Amino acid sequence: MKLFFISTLILGLSHFLYAQNLTITTSSGYVNATKHNNVYIYEDIPYAQPPIGNLRWKGPRHNKSTELIIPKEDNFCIQRPSNLGGAEGTNPIVGMEDCLYLDVFTPRGNFDEKLPVMFWIHGGGNTSGLKDLYDFSKMVKKHNVIVVRANYRLGPFGWFTHPAIQSFQEGDDKSSNFGTLDLIVALEWIKNNISNFGGDHNNVTIFGESAGGHNVLSLLASKRASGLFSKAISMSGYTTSISTADAYKPTKKSSTSNYSSSNVMKKLLEKNDIDSYAGISLIEKKRDMLLSISSEDFFQIYLERQTYEELPLLTSDGVVIPKIGLKNALSKKELVNNVPTIAGSNRDEVKLWLATARYFVDLDYSFIGSLLRIPKVKLIDYDSFEAFNFYRSSAWKIRGVDDPLRSLAKTGNKNLYAYRYDWDDHRRLVVADFKKLIGAAHATEIPLLTGNADLVGGYPLSDLIYPPSFSKRYTSKNMMQFWTHFAKTGSPGKSTNSIKWEAYSSKNGNSNFLVLDKKKHLKMEIEELSFKSLSKELMNDSRVNDLEKCVILLQMFTFVGNDLYDENIGNYPKKCLREESERFLKDNASFIEY
């Protein structure tokens, strides 16, 4: 009798929730909403089958279910723990392979009107990060849009090229870009299900920051994603891709070669006996080992990676990304998805990393800092710090904004917009001058776009860095307005004080962009920016010595993008030895843990 009563109560509650549009039926099962900040959130919907067992290193399979979806804790993808835009944890490895989940944020339970949909792709270098860090409730409520956020496979589980995998597979499974395919299948899930949440499946805007911005540009260049989105916003993105040959067995030394899959396989074979796999060829033994080894034992190989060593990630595999590579594909009309696009970067992109490098900063426990257990952060050489930031951040703008937009313009796309984020009204305190130390650094725009500072740790740290002010409110309000107006119409429109964001144009090396900043500084600007002009300016810059100049050039030409060193170093009149610059970076790869 008691069991019957409980079952009846649950059934009655389900009917009530369904009538209130708080229970939604999807292809993945039915899901209940929680209400937070007056927004309905449908959490942890499995948009694809778990990529485990024989589905490891295969394209994601659509998930079909009629069961109730139960939210899951810590369902982010495998990564090293990080308190900078990643998953925190005390173990050397956090996360799980069963991680292909998404959340839907809706402003109301009334679905009379189909709302624009914005699909958020988190950053983290495609090696870390998770959907749960980003709360778009405020933007959803204020601007009447739906936001979807998703996890996708990261690092070597998301991008991996080896004959023991691809040579046995066909179709999407032949790809190396499993993380990219995850995003594509998430978009397919949106197309098939979002109308149940009151969303318009014909009006989907993809937007993401850092690696998320890179993934936005990747989706623009992937015909596999054709028809799944109608607008795109790349925030601090870049266009790095690598050939499948170099991802497997590179012919020359590079930042990714130590972790090519052939080198990883050598390390795995040193630790694992594959002779027990009897009666099959060597390559089949390697395949069986790769598919049966635990995720922890496989990922253990990558824990030894140094800060200056990178992983081969996005490949020009000819399945998801064209063989000519991401950067080149963006200029080919027959290869790109032609949609209205925004691309932008931050004025001080790299300060976030420079401010942790022992080469630039030191910690000093002042009297007040000792009481608060907060060290005072001192810049060792402010001029050098600013010079490294200027040239590297300017190079990021060239690689992640100007080059992609010029390429897209060549395809006939006239609905293009550029920005540079300059807002830096952080506090100046005894423990640190955050305005100098952080400025308009990488990812610092996200709390203003979301209207939520939990990303930087929440109160009180968020108020130390992001003090309440008219300046902050104005910039935040206008960023939300620009992004959502673009999602609704394909144009970012005007600011609250009628500054129009004009379409991107580039003539004679001059490009225009909107400066995103406080009220008196928000405006359209035009500048000439190129590797050639930066090299000439660096030559005469007295803030850094000759070796530091060569190191800056190496970083400009090789970081956040493909290696362009050989084709650009000739623009610098003095001689630089690449090996000497690389040795400098290795010798000074020590970072402070705050």
Foldseek 3Di string as FASTA:
>chain_A
DVVVVVVVVVVVVVVVQVVQLQWFQAQQAIFGWDADPQKTKTWFRQQFFQCAFVNQLFATHGHGDHHYDDHDPQQAAKAAADLQQFHHDDDRIGHDSRRWTKMKIFNGSDQPAAAFEEEEEEDDPQRGHDQVLAFQNVLRNVQGHMYMYTHFYGDQSQFAFDCLQLVVDDARSNHRGNRLSSVLSVLVSCLRGVVSVNHDQQQYEYEYEEVSLQSQLLLQQFPSNASSHFEYERELAFFAAAASCQLAADPDDDLANCARPVNLLVVVVVVDPLPVVPDDDPSNSSSVCVNPPDPCVSCVSVSPDAPSHDHRHHYCSCRGHPNVGSLQSLQDLVRGHQHQYEWEYEQQACLVVLQFFPVFWDWAQDPVCVVVVFTAIDTPALLLSVLLRRLLRLLSCVRGPVSSVVSNVNSVRQNYAYEYEFAQPAPDDRRHGSCSRQTRYGPPCSCLQSVHQCSNPHPPVSCNGPPDDLFSVQLSVLNSQQVSVCSVPVASAAGPVGAGRDTWDADPQKIKHFYRGGDVRTHIDIDRGDLLVSLVVLLPDPSDDPLSSLLSLQSSQPPRYHRRNVVRVVSHPDDDDPVSSVVVCVVRSDTHDD
